[in-house]
Amino acid sequence: MSLDTLPRAARSNHRARPPGRRWRSRLDVKAMPYFLVSPYFLLFAAFGLFPLAFTLYYSLYDYDLTGTVEWAGLGNYTALLGDDDFWRATVNTLAMFIIATVPPRCCWRCSWPTR
């Protein structure tokens, strides 16, 4: 038996919604996740991407405290790669990372009970 042959009361167990309400609920279902996630993306852009892009912009210029600004291009990076203090700091950072992560992981895995 198809729905067309049933009486109107038997076709619908609930009150029929107006067509605008049905459209709005479909829009709510599709748009609501984006609406709920949008504050995260706005805050991420404001406090994550903007400072990162601005830092990259500043790194290409040579600034003095007196206010003079000169284009440095990649000269700042070549000077950084030629600096001994930079390489010493990089090696120290990597050593601290290895010391802080490798032994605890090895000890944690060794302390697992064997079956």
PDB file of N, CA and C in Angstrom:
ATOM      1  N   MET A   1       0.850  -1.167   0.000  1.00  0.00           N
ATOM      2  CA  MET A   1       0.000   0.000   0.000  1.00  0.00           C
ATOM      3  C   MET A   1       0.905   1.242   0.000  1.00  0.00           C
ATOM      4  N   SER A   2       0.666   2.169  -0.894  1.00  0.00           N
ATOM      5  CA  SER A   2       1.492   3.363  -0.975  1.00  0.00           C
ATOM      6  C   SER A   2       0.935   4.445  -0.048  1.00  0.00           C
ATOM      7  N   LEU A   3       1.732   5.453   0.140  1.00  0.00           N
ATOM      8  CA  LEU A   3       1.317   6.549   1.018  1.00  0.00           C
ATOM      9  C   LEU A   3       0.164   7.350   0.430  1.00  0.00           C
ATOM     10  N   ASP A   4       0.031   7.360  -0.883  1.00  0.00           N
ATOM     11  CA  ASP A   4      -1.048   8.125  -1.504  1.00  0.00           C
ATOM     12  C   ASP A   4      -2.421   7.541  -1.211  1.00  0.00           C
ATOM     13  N   THR A   5      -2.495   6.254  -0.992  1.00  0.00           N
ATOM     14  CA  THR A   5      -3.793   5.626  -0.750  1.00  0.00           C
ATOM     15  C   THR A   5      -4.192   5.653   0.708  1.00  0.00           C
ATOM     16  N   LEU A   6      -3.261   5.962   1.596  1.00  0.00           N
ATOM     17  CA  LEU A   6      -3.591   6.039   3.025  1.00  0.00           C
ATOM     18  C   LEU A   6      -4.332   7.333   3.324  1.00  0.00           C
ATOM     19  N   PRO A   7      -5.184   7.309   4.318  1.00  0.00           N
ATOM     20  CA  PRO A   7      -5.818   8.560   4.736  1.00  0.00           C
ATOM     21  C   PRO A   7      -4.770   9.534   5.270  1.00  0.00           C
ATOM     22  N   ARG A   8      -5.108  10.803   5.237  1.00  0.00           N
ATOM     23  CA  ARG A   8      -4.169  11.852   5.636  1.00  0.00           C
ATOM     24  C   ARG A   8      -3.685  11.649   7.076  1.00  0.00           C
ATOM     25  N   ALA A   9      -4.543  11.242   7.982  1.00  0.00           N
ATOM     26  CA  ALA A   9      -4.160  11.055   9.381  1.00  0.00           C
ATOM     27  C   ALA A   9      -3.163   9.913   9.528  1.00  0.00           C
ATOM     28  N   ALA A  10      -3.240   8.912   8.704  1.00  0.00           N
ATOM     29  CA  ALA A  10      -2.331   7.777   8.812  1.00  0.00           C
ATOM     30  C   ALA A  10      -0.982   8.076   8.154  1.00  0.00           C
ATOM     31  N   ARG A  11      -0.923   9.010   7.202  1.00  0.00           N
ATOM     32  CA  ARG A  11       0.336   9.324   6.527  1.00  0.00           C
ATOM     33  C   ARG A  11       1.321  10.030   7.444  1.00  0.00           C
ATOM     34  N   SER A  12       0.835  10.828   8.325  1.00  0.00           N
ATOM     35  CA  SER A  12       1.713  11.620   9.169  1.00  0.00           C
ATOM     36  C   SER A  12       1.377  11.372  10.629  1.00  0.00           C
ATOM     37  N   ASN A  13       2.380  10.955  11.388  1.00  0.00           N
ATOM     38  CA  ASN A  13       2.182  10.737  12.815  1.00  0.00           C
ATOM     39  C   ASN A  13       2.440  12.001  13.625  1.00  0.00           C
ATOM     40  N   HIS A  14       3.006  12.999  13.028  1.00  0.00           N
ATOM     41  CA  HIS A  14       3.299  14.246  13.735  1.00  0.00           C
ATOM     42  C   HIS A  14       2.750  15.420  12.945  1.00  0.00           C
ATOM     43  N   ARG A  15       2.725  16.540  13.602  1.00  0.00           N
ATOM     44  CA  ARG A  15       2.206  17.750  12.979  1.00  0.00           C
ATOM     45  C   ARG A  15       3.151  18.200  11.855  1.00  0.00           C
ATOM     46  N   ALA A  16       2.585  18.527  10.740  1.00  0.00           N
ATOM     47  CA  ALA A  16       3.396  18.936   9.592  1.00  0.00           C
ATOM     48  C   ALA A  16       4.021  20.302   9.862  1.00  0.00           C
ATOM     49  N   ARG A  17       5.290  20.433   9.471  1.00  0.00           N
ATOM     50  CA  ARG A  17       5.985  21.702   9.628  1.00  0.00           C
ATOM     51  C   ARG A  17       5.793  22.545   8.388  1.00  0.00           C
ATOM     52  N   PRO A  18       5.792  23.830   8.553  1.00  0.00           N
ATOM     53  CA  PRO A  18       5.701  24.685   7.365  1.00  0.00           C
ATOM     54  C   PRO A  18       6.962  24.531   6.516  1.00  0.00           C
ATOM     55  N   PRO A  19       6.872  24.804   5.208  1.00  0.00           N
ATOM     56  CA  PRO A  19       8.028  24.601   4.333  1.00  0.00           C
ATOM     57  C   PRO A  19       9.240  25.438   4.720  1.00  0.00           C
ATOM     58  N   GLY A  20       9.048  26.642   5.229  1.00  0.00           N
ATOM     59  CA  GLY A  20      10.184  27.470   5.649  1.00  0.00           C
ATOM     60  C   GLY A  20      10.951  26.842   6.792  1.00  0.00           C
ATOM     61  N   ARG A  21      10.266  26.206   7.683  1.00  0.00           N
ATOM     62  CA  ARG A  21      10.912  25.562   8.829  1.00  0.00           C
ATOM     63  C   ARG A  21      11.761  24.384   8.361  1.00  0.00           C
ATOM     64  N   ARG A  22      11.268  23.623   7.397  1.00  0.00           N
ATOM     65  CA  ARG A  22      12.022  22.491   6.900  1.00  0.00           C
ATOM     66  C   ARG A  22      13.305  22.976   6.230  1.00  0.00           C
ATOM     67  N   TRP A  23      13.239  24.051   5.453  1.00  0.00           N
ATOM     68  CA  TRP A  23      14.420  24.603   4.796  1.00  0.00           C
ATOM     69  C   TRP A  23      15.417  25.117   5.818  1.00  0.00           C
ATOM     70  N   ARG A  24      14.897  25.781   6.847  1.00  0.00           N
ATOM     71  CA  ARG A  24      15.772  26.342   7.864  1.00  0.00           C
ATOM     72  C   ARG A  24      16.467  25.233   8.640  1.00  0.00           C
ATOM     73  N   SER A  25      15.789  24.154   8.923  1.00  0.00           N
ATOM     74  CA  SER A  25      16.421  23.089   9.675  1.00  0.00           C
ATOM     75  C   SER A  25      17.502  22.407   8.841  1.00  0.00           C
ATOM     76  N   ARG A  26      17.287  22.285   7.514  1.00  0.00           N
ATOM     77  CA  ARG A  26      18.336  21.735   6.667  1.00  0.00           C
ATOM     78  C   ARG A  26      19.542  22.661   6.645  1.00  0.00           C
ATOM     79  N   LEU A  27      19.291  23.962   6.594  1.00  0.00           N
ATOM     80  CA  LEU A  27      20.382  24.932   6.624  1.00  0.00           C
ATOM     81  C   LEU A  27      21.098  24.879   7.969  1.00  0.00           C
ATOM     82  N   ASP A  28      20.353  24.725   9.038  1.00  0.00           N
ATOM     83  CA  ASP A  28      20.967  24.621  10.359  1.00  0.00           C
ATOM     84  C   ASP A  28      21.868  23.404  10.451  1.00  0.00           C
ATOM     85  N   VAL A  29      21.420  22.298   9.916  1.00  0.00           N
ATOM     86  CA  VAL A  29      22.205  21.070   9.995  1.00  0.00           C
ATOM     87  C   VAL A  29      23.493  21.207   9.197  1.00  0.00           C
ATOM     88  N   LYS A  30      23.433  21.878   8.062  1.00  0.00           N
ATOM     89  CA  LYS A  30      24.635  22.017   7.238  1.00  0.00           C
ATOM     90  C   LYS A  30      25.548  23.137   7.714  1.00  0.00           C
ATOM     91  N   ALA A  31      25.005  24.216   8.206  1.00  0.00           N
ATOM     92  CA  ALA A  31      25.815  25.382   8.554  1.00  0.00           C
ATOM     93  C   ALA A  31      26.264  25.396  10.010  1.00  0.00           C
ATOM     94  N   MET A  32      25.540  24.720  10.883  1.00  0.00           N
ATOM     95  CA  MET A  32      25.851  24.802  12.309  1.00  0.00           C
ATOM     96  C   MET A  32      27.260  24.313  12.657  1.00  0.00           C
ATOM     97  N   PRO A  33      27.763  23.214  12.085  1.00  0.00           N
ATOM     98  CA  PRO A  33      29.144  22.832  12.429  1.00  0.00           C
ATOM     99  C   PRO A  33      30.160  23.912  12.074  1.00  0.00           C
ATOM    100  N   TYR A  34      29.986  24.558  10.926  1.00  0.00           N
ATOM    101  CA  TYR A  34      30.914  25.625  10.536  1.00  0.00           C
ATOM    102  C   TYR A  34      30.780  26.826  11.471  1.00  0.00           C
ATOM    103  N   PHE A  35      29.576  27.101  11.887  1.00  0.00           N
ATOM    104  CA  PHE A  35      29.338  28.201  12.813  1.00  0.00           C
ATOM    105  C   PHE A  35      29.998  27.932  14.160  1.00  0.00           C
ATOM    106  N   LEU A  36      29.937  26.687  14.613  1.00  0.00           N
ATOM    107  CA  LEU A  36      30.512  26.348  15.911  1.00  0.00           C
ATOM    108  C   LEU A  36      32.038  26.287  15.881  1.00  0.00           C
ATOM    109  N   VAL A  37      32.613  25.963  14.741  1.00  0.00           N
ATOM    110  CA  VAL A  37      34.067  25.862  14.633  1.00  0.00           C
ATOM    111  C   VAL A  37      34.702  27.206  14.277  1.00  0.00           C
ATOM    112  N   SER A  38      33.930  28.145  13.771  1.00  0.00           N
ATOM    113  CA  SER A  38      34.479  29.414  13.304  1.00  0.00           C
ATOM    114  C   SER A  38      35.221  30.214  14.381  1.00  0.00           C
ATOM    115  N   PRO A  39      34.811  30.227  15.659  1.00  0.00           N
ATOM    116  CA  PRO A  39      35.620  30.971  16.634  1.00  0.00           C
ATOM    117  C   PRO A  39      37.039  30.427  16.759  1.00  0.00           C
ATOM    118  N   TYR A  40      37.192  29.113  16.660  1.00  0.00           N
ATOM    119  CA  TYR A  40      38.540  28.549  16.713  1.00  0.00           C
ATOM    120  C   TYR A  40      39.378  29.066  15.554  1.00  0.00           C
ATOM    121  N   PHE A  41      38.834  29.030  14.349  1.00  0.00           N
ATOM    122  CA  PHE A  41      39.601  29.478  13.193  1.00  0.00           C
ATOM    123  C   PHE A  41      39.907  30.970  13.255  1.00  0.00           C
ATOM    124  N   LEU A  42      38.989  31.765  13.750  1.00  0.00           N
ATOM    125  CA  LEU A  42      39.252  33.197  13.893  1.00  0.00           C
ATOM    126  C   LEU A  42      40.355  33.458  14.914  1.00  0.00           C
ATOM    127  N   LEU A  43      40.303  32.783  16.049  1.00  0.00           N
ATOM    128  CA  LEU A  43      41.340  32.965  17.066  1.00  0.00           C
ATOM    129  C   LEU A  43      42.679  32.418  16.584  1.00  0.00           C
ATOM    130  N   PHE A  44      42.646  31.297  15.878  1.00  0.00           N
ATOM    131  CA  PHE A  44      43.891  30.742  15.336  1.00  0.00           C
ATOM    132  C   PHE A  44      44.518  31.703  14.335  1.00  0.00           C
ATOM    133  N   ALA A  45      43.698  32.320  13.500  1.00  0.00           N
ATOM    134  CA  ALA A  45      44.230  33.281  12.541  1.00  0.00           C
ATOM    135  C   ALA A  45      44.778  34.514  13.246  1.00  0.00           C
ATOM    136  N   ALA A  46      44.069  34.990  14.269  1.00  0.00           N
ATOM    137  CA  ALA A  46      44.496  36.210  14.960  1.00  0.00           C
ATOM    138  C   ALA A  46      45.744  35.997  15.805  1.00  0.00           C
ATOM    139  N   PHE A  47      45.816  34.857  16.517  1.00  0.00           N
ATOM    140  CA  PHE A  47      46.918  34.654  17.455  1.00  0.00           C
ATOM    141  C   PHE A  47      47.945  33.642  16.979  1.00  0.00           C
ATOM    142  N   GLY A  48      47.727  33.020  15.828  1.00  0.00           N
ATOM    143  CA  GLY A  48      48.674  32.047  15.316  1.00  0.00           C
ATOM    144  C   GLY A  48      49.251  32.440  13.972  1.00  0.00           C
ATOM    145  N   LEU A  49      48.403  32.622  12.991  1.00  0.00           N
ATOM    146  CA  LEU A  49      48.884  32.902  11.645  1.00  0.00           C
ATOM    147  C   LEU A  49      49.376  34.334  11.468  1.00  0.00           C
ATOM    148  N   PHE A  50      48.668  35.296  12.033  1.00  0.00           N
ATOM    149  CA  PHE A  50      49.091  36.686  11.890  1.00  0.00           C
ATOM    150  C   PHE A  50      50.475  36.931  12.498  1.00  0.00           C
ATOM    151  N   PRO A  51      50.753  36.505  13.739  1.00  0.00           N
ATOM    152  CA  PRO A  51      52.110  36.722  14.271  1.00  0.00           C
ATOM    153  C   PRO A  51      53.182  35.985  13.471  1.00  0.00           C
ATOM    154  N   LEU A  52      52.843  34.804  12.958  1.00  0.00           N
ATOM    155  CA  LEU A  52      53.810  34.063  12.162  1.00  0.00           C
ATOM    156  C   LEU A  52      54.139  34.807  10.870  1.00  0.00           C
ATOM    157  N   ALA A  53      53.136  35.312  10.190  1.00  0.00           N
ATOM    158  CA  ALA A  53      53.354  36.054   8.946  1.00  0.00           C
ATOM    159  C   ALA A  53      54.072  37.373   9.216  1.00  0.00           C
ATOM    160  N   PHE A  54      53.726  38.040  10.309  1.00  0.00           N
ATOM    161  CA  PHE A  54      54.366  39.308  10.639  1.00  0.00           C
ATOM    162  C   PHE A  54      55.828  39.102  11.019  1.00  0.00           C
ATOM    163  N   THR A  55      56.137  37.999  11.688  1.00  0.00           N
ATOM    164  CA  THR A  55      57.519  37.680  12.025  1.00  0.00           C
ATOM    165  C   THR A  55      58.330  37.412  10.770  1.00  0.00           C
ATOM    166  N   LEU A  56      57.753  36.699   9.824  1.00  0.00           N
ATOM    167  CA  LEU A  56      58.438  36.459   8.562  1.00  0.00           C
ATOM    168  C   LEU A  56      58.694  37.779   7.840  1.00  0.00           C
ATOM    169  N   TYR A  57      57.713  38.676   7.863  1.00  0.00           N
ATOM    170  CA  TYR A  57      57.878  39.990   7.245  1.00  0.00           C
ATOM    171  C   TYR A  57      59.019  40.763   7.915  1.00  0.00           C
ATOM    172  N   TYR A  58      59.031  40.778   9.246  1.00  0.00           N
ATOM    173  CA  TYR A  58      60.076  41.496   9.973  1.00  0.00           C
ATOM    174  C   TYR A  58      61.452  40.885   9.758  1.00  0.00           C
ATOM    175  N   SER A  59      61.514  39.583   9.552  1.00  0.00           N
ATOM    176  CA  SER A  59      62.815  38.942   9.401  1.00  0.00           C
ATOM    177  C   SER A  59      63.505  39.307   8.103  1.00  0.00           C
ATOM    178  N   LEU A  60      62.785  39.856   7.160  1.00  0.00           N
ATOM    179  CA  LEU A  60      63.379  40.243   5.888  1.00  0.00           C
ATOM    180  C   LEU A  60      63.875  41.682   5.885  1.00  0.00           C
ATOM    181  N   TYR A  61      63.706  42.393   6.985  1.00  0.00           N
ATOM    182  CA  TYR A  61      64.154  43.786   7.103  1.00  0.00           C
ATOM    183  C   TYR A  61      65.151  43.919   8.237  1.00  0.00           C
ATOM    184  N   ASP A  62      65.962  44.975   8.160  1.00  0.00           N
ATOM    185  CA  ASP A  62      66.923  45.296   9.217  1.00  0.00           C
ATOM    186  C   ASP A  62      66.411  46.530   9.947  1.00  0.00           C
ATOM    187  N   TYR A  63      66.016  46.333  11.212  1.00  0.00           N
ATOM    188  CA  TYR A  63      65.442  47.410  12.013  1.00  0.00           C
ATOM    189  C   TYR A  63      66.447  47.897  13.032  1.00  0.00           C
ATOM    190  N   ASP A  64      66.491  49.206  13.221  1.00  0.00           N
ATOM    191  CA  ASP A  64      67.246  49.815  14.311  1.00  0.00           C
ATOM    192  C   ASP A  64      66.249  50.392  15.303  1.00  0.00           C
ATOM    193  N   LEU A  65      66.695  50.612  16.515  1.00  0.00           N
ATOM    194  CA  LEU A  65      65.812  51.198  17.513  1.00  0.00           C
ATOM    195  C   LEU A  65      65.525  52.670  17.230  1.00  0.00           C
ATOM    196  N   THR A  66      66.318  53.272  16.360  1.00  0.00           N
ATOM    197  CA  THR A  66      66.085  54.677  16.019  1.00  0.00           C
ATOM    198  C   THR A  66      64.982  54.837  14.986  1.00  0.00           C
ATOM    199  N   GLY A  67      64.529  53.749  14.393  1.00  0.00           N
ATOM    200  CA  GLY A  67      63.425  53.825  13.457  1.00  0.00           C
ATOM    201  C   GLY A  67      63.816  53.662  12.004  1.00  0.00           C
ATOM    202  N   THR A  68      65.098  53.487  11.728  1.00  0.00           N
ATOM    203  CA  THR A  68      65.494  53.293  10.332  1.00  0.00           C
ATOM    204  C   THR A  68      65.232  51.841   9.936  1.00  0.00           C
ATOM    205  N   VAL A  69      64.647  51.694   8.748  1.00  0.00           N
ATOM    206  CA  VAL A  69      64.302  50.370   8.246  1.00  0.00           C
ATOM    207  C   VAL A  69      64.980  50.177   6.903  1.00  0.00           C
ATOM    208  N   GLU A  70      65.703  49.069   6.768  1.00  0.00           N
ATOM    209  CA  GLU A  70      66.386  48.772   5.514  1.00  0.00           C
ATOM    210  C   GLU A  70      66.035  47.346   5.101  1.00  0.00           C
ATOM    211  N   TRP A  71      65.892  47.154   3.787  1.00  0.00           N
ATOM    212  CA  TRP A  71      65.612  45.833   3.252  1.00  0.00           C
ATOM    213  C   TRP A  71      66.863  44.974   3.400  1.00  0.00           C
ATOM    214  N   ALA A  72      66.732  43.824   4.033  1.00  0.00           N
ATOM    215  CA  ALA A  72      67.862  42.925   4.214  1.00  0.00           C
ATOM    216  C   ALA A  72      67.714  41.678   3.361  1.00  0.00           C
ATOM    217  N   GLY A  73      66.493  41.338   2.991  1.00  0.00           N
ATOM    218  CA  GLY A  73      66.280  40.131   2.195  1.00  0.00           C
ATOM    219  C   GLY A  73      66.663  38.895   2.994  1.00  0.00           C
ATOM    220  N   LEU A  74      67.356  37.997   2.353  1.00  0.00           N
ATOM    221  CA  LEU A  74      67.796  36.776   3.029  1.00  0.00           C
ATOM    222  C   LEU A  74      69.137  36.963   3.729  1.00  0.00           C
ATOM    223  N   GLY A  75      69.642  38.188   3.762  1.00  0.00           N
ATOM    224  CA  GLY A  75      70.909  38.471   4.430  1.00  0.00           C
ATOM    225  C   GLY A  75      70.866  38.149   5.912  1.00  0.00           C
ATOM    226  N   ASN A  76      69.723  38.363   6.550  1.00  0.00           N
ATOM    227  CA  ASN A  76      69.601  38.014   7.972  1.00  0.00           C
ATOM    228  C   ASN A  76      69.777  36.511   8.181  1.00  0.00           C
ATOM    229  N   TYR A  77      69.234  35.722   7.262  1.00  0.00           N
ATOM    230  CA  TYR A  77      69.340  34.272   7.404  1.00  0.00           C
ATOM    231  C   TYR A  77      70.748  33.767   7.111  1.00  0.00           C
ATOM    232  N   THR A  78      71.423  34.358   6.137  1.00  0.00           N
ATOM    233  CA  THR A  78      72.805  33.956   5.872  1.00  0.00           C
ATOM    234  C   THR A  78      73.713  34.332   7.042  1.00  0.00           C
ATOM    235  N   ALA A  79      73.450  35.472   7.668  1.00  0.00           N
ATOM    236  CA  ALA A  79      74.228  35.854   8.851  1.00  0.00           C
ATOM    237  C   ALA A  79      73.946  34.900  10.004  1.00  0.00           C
ATOM    238  N   LEU A  80      72.706  34.463  10.134  1.00  0.00           N
ATOM    239  CA  LEU A  80      72.341  33.534  11.201  1.00  0.00           C
ATOM    240  C   LEU A  80      73.021  32.187  11.010  1.00  0.00           C
ATOM    241  N   LEU A  81      73.032  31.684   9.782  1.00  0.00           N
ATOM    242  CA  LEU A  81      73.660  30.390   9.524  1.00  0.00           C
ATOM    243  C   LEU A  81      75.172  30.431   9.674  1.00  0.00           C
ATOM    244  N   GLY A  82      75.773  31.606   9.575  1.00  0.00           N
ATOM    245  CA  GLY A  82      77.214  31.741   9.758  1.00  0.00           C
ATOM    246  C   GLY A  82      77.617  32.040  11.191  1.00  0.00           C
ATOM    247  N   ASP A  83      76.662  32.171  12.089  1.00  0.00           N
ATOM    248  CA  ASP A  83      76.941  32.522  13.484  1.00  0.00           C
ATOM    249  C   ASP A  83      77.200  31.259  14.307  1.00  0.00           C
ATOM    250  N   ASP A  84      78.325  31.239  15.036  1.00  0.00           N
ATOM    251  CA  ASP A  84      78.660  30.076  15.870  1.00  0.00           C
ATOM    252  C   ASP A  84      77.713  29.921  17.051  1.00  0.00           C
ATOM    253  N   ASP A  85      77.247  31.020  17.613  1.00  0.00           N
ATOM    254  CA  ASP A  85      76.315  30.934  18.746  1.00  0.00           C
ATOM    255  C   ASP A  85      74.998  30.279  18.336  1.00  0.00           C
ATOM    256  N   PHE A  86      74.558  30.531  17.118  1.00  0.00           N
ATOM    257  CA  PHE A  86      73.323  29.905  16.646  1.00  0.00           C
ATOM    258  C   PHE A  86      73.477  28.387  16.599  1.00  0.00           C
ATOM    259  N   TRP A  87      74.593  27.912  16.062  1.00  0.00           N
ATOM    260  CA  TRP A  87      74.789  26.465  15.959  1.00  0.00           C
ATOM    261  C   TRP A  87      74.972  25.832  17.331  1.00  0.00           C
ATOM    262  N   ARG A  88      75.634  26.531  18.254  1.00  0.00           N
ATOM    263  CA  ARG A  88      75.780  26.003  19.612  1.00  0.00           C
ATOM    264  C   ARG A  88      74.415  25.897  20.286  1.00  0.00           C
ATOM    265  N   ALA A  89      73.570  26.907  20.109  1.00  0.00           N
ATOM    266  CA  ALA A  89      72.228  26.875  20.690  1.00  0.00           C
ATOM    267  C   ALA A  89      71.385  25.771  20.059  1.00  0.00           C
ATOM    268  N   THR A  90      71.531  25.554  18.762  1.00  0.00           N
ATOM    269  CA  THR A  90      70.785  24.489  18.089  1.00  0.00           C
ATOM    270  C   THR A  90      71.208  23.126  18.605  1.00  0.00           C
ATOM    271  N   VAL A  91      72.502  22.890  18.746  1.00  0.00           N
ATOM    272  CA  VAL A  91      72.996  21.606  19.268  1.00  0.00           C
ATOM    273  C   VAL A  91      72.538  21.408  20.702  1.00  0.00           C
ATOM    274  N   ASN A  92      72.603  22.447  21.531  1.00  0.00           N
ATOM    275  CA  ASN A  92      72.138  22.329  22.919  1.00  0.00           C
ATOM    276  C   ASN A  92      70.649  22.014  22.984  1.00  0.00           C
ATOM    277  N   THR A  93      69.865  22.637  22.124  1.00  0.00           N
ATOM    278  CA  THR A  93      68.430  22.382  22.110  1.00  0.00           C
ATOM    279  C   THR A  93      68.135  20.944  21.705  1.00  0.00           C
ATOM    280  N   LEU A  94      68.806  20.461  20.679  1.00  0.00           N
ATOM    281  CA  LEU A  94      68.603  19.074  20.262  1.00  0.00           C
ATOM    282  C   LEU A  94      69.057  18.086  21.330  1.00  0.00           C
ATOM    283  N   ALA A  95      70.159  18.394  22.008  1.00  0.00           N
ATOM    284  CA  ALA A  95      70.632  17.515  23.077  1.00  0.00           C
ATOM    285  C   ALA A  95      69.629  17.471  24.228  1.00  0.00           C
ATOM    286  N   MET A  96      69.087  18.605  24.609  1.00  0.00           N
ATOM    287  CA  MET A  96      68.089  18.620  25.683  1.00  0.00           C
ATOM    288  C   MET A  96      66.826  17.872  25.267  1.00  0.00           C
ATOM    289  N   PHE A  97      66.443  17.985  24.002  1.00  0.00           N
ATOM    290  CA  PHE A  97      65.279  17.257  23.508  1.00  0.00           C
ATOM    291  C   PHE A  97      65.506  15.754  23.587  1.00  0.00           C
ATOM    292  N   ILE A  98      66.680  15.306  23.171  1.00  0.00           N
ATOM    293  CA  ILE A  98      66.972  13.869  23.202  1.00  0.00           C
ATOM    294  C   ILE A  98      67.058  13.371  24.637  1.00  0.00           C
ATOM    295  N   ILE A  99      67.708  14.125  25.512  1.00  0.00           N
ATOM    296  CA  ILE A  99      67.829  13.718  26.919  1.00  0.00           C
ATOM    297  C   ILE A  99      66.466  13.678  27.595  1.00  0.00           C
ATOM    298  N   ALA A 100      65.581  14.593  27.238  1.00  0.00           N
ATOM    299  CA  ALA A 100      64.285  14.671  27.902  1.00  0.00           C
ATOM    300  C   ALA A 100      63.277  13.676  27.345  1.00  0.00           C
ATOM    301  N   THR A 101      63.495  13.142  26.152  1.00  0.00           N
ATOM    302  CA  THR A 101      62.478  12.259  25.565  1.00  0.00           C
ATOM    303  C   THR A 101      62.907  10.807  25.442  1.00  0.00           C
ATOM    304  N   VAL A 102      64.150  10.539  25.065  1.00  0.00           N
ATOM    305  CA  VAL A 102      64.556   9.152  24.801  1.00  0.00           C
ATOM    306  C   VAL A 102      64.639   8.316  26.077  1.00  0.00           C
ATOM    307  N   PRO A 103      65.369   8.713  27.115  1.00  0.00           N
ATOM    308  CA  PRO A 103      65.432   7.842  28.307  1.00  0.00           C
ATOM    309  C   PRO A 103      64.077   7.591  28.978  1.00  0.00           C
ATOM    310  N   PRO A 104      63.219   8.596  29.137  1.00  0.00           N
ATOM    311  CA  PRO A 104      61.920   8.275  29.737  1.00  0.00           C
ATOM    312  C   PRO A 104      61.102   7.292  28.896  1.00  0.00           C
ATOM    313  N   ARG A 105      61.176   7.396  27.586  1.00  0.00           N
ATOM    314  CA  ARG A 105      60.439   6.445  26.742  1.00  0.00           C
ATOM    315  C   ARG A 105      61.025   5.047  26.862  1.00  0.00           C
ATOM    316  N   CYS A 106      62.346   4.939  26.920  1.00  0.00           N
ATOM    317  CA  CYS A 106      62.957   3.614  27.061  1.00  0.00           C
ATOM    318  C   CYS A 106      62.594   2.999  28.406  1.00  0.00           C
ATOM    319  N   CYS A 107      62.660   3.790  29.469  1.00  0.00           N
ATOM    320  CA  CYS A 107      62.316   3.279  30.799  1.00  0.00           C
ATOM    321  C   CYS A 107      60.834   2.939  30.888  1.00  0.00           C
ATOM    322  N   TRP A 108      60.004   3.706  30.241  1.00  0.00           N
ATOM    323  CA  TRP A 108      58.562   3.442  30.271  1.00  0.00           C
ATOM    324  C   TRP A 108      58.256   2.137  29.550  1.00  0.00           C
ATOM    325  N   ARG A 109      58.890   1.895  28.406  1.00  0.00           N
ATOM    326  CA  ARG A 109      58.640   0.660  27.679  1.00  0.00           C
ATOM    327  C   ARG A 109      59.236  -0.542  28.415  1.00  0.00           C
ATOM    328  N   CYS A 110      60.355  -0.356  29.106  1.00  0.00           N
ATOM    329  CA  CYS A 110      60.951  -1.478  29.842  1.00  0.00           C
ATOM    330  C   CYS A 110      60.124  -1.846  31.072  1.00  0.00           C
ATOM    331  N   SER A 111      59.355  -0.917  31.590  1.00  0.00           N
ATOM    332  CA  SER A 111      58.581  -1.191  32.784  1.00  0.00           C
ATOM    333  C   SER A 111      57.233  -1.847  32.480  1.00  0.00           C
ATOM    334  N   TRP A 112      56.913  -2.075  31.208  1.00  0.00           N
ATOM    335  CA  TRP A 112      55.669  -2.754  30.863  1.00  0.00           C
ATOM    336  C   TRP A 112      55.733  -4.205  31.317  1.00  0.00           C
ATOM    337  N   PRO A 113      54.680  -4.703  31.889  1.00  0.00           N
ATOM    338  CA  PRO A 113      54.680  -6.115  32.267  1.00  0.00           C
ATOM    339  C   PRO A 113      54.626  -6.994  31.009  1.00  0.00           C
ATOM    340  N   THR A 114      55.416  -8.025  30.998  1.00  0.00           N
ATOM    341  CA  THR A 114      55.404  -8.950  29.864  1.00  0.00           C
ATOM    342  C   THR A 114      54.420 -10.073  30.140  1.00  0.00           C
ATOM    343  N   ARG A 115      53.881 -10.623  29.106  1.00  0.00           N
ATOM    344  CA  ARG A 115      52.870 -11.676  29.270  1.00  0.00           C
ATOM    345  C   ARG A 115      53.485 -13.030  29.158  1.00  0.00           C
TER     346      ARG A 115
END
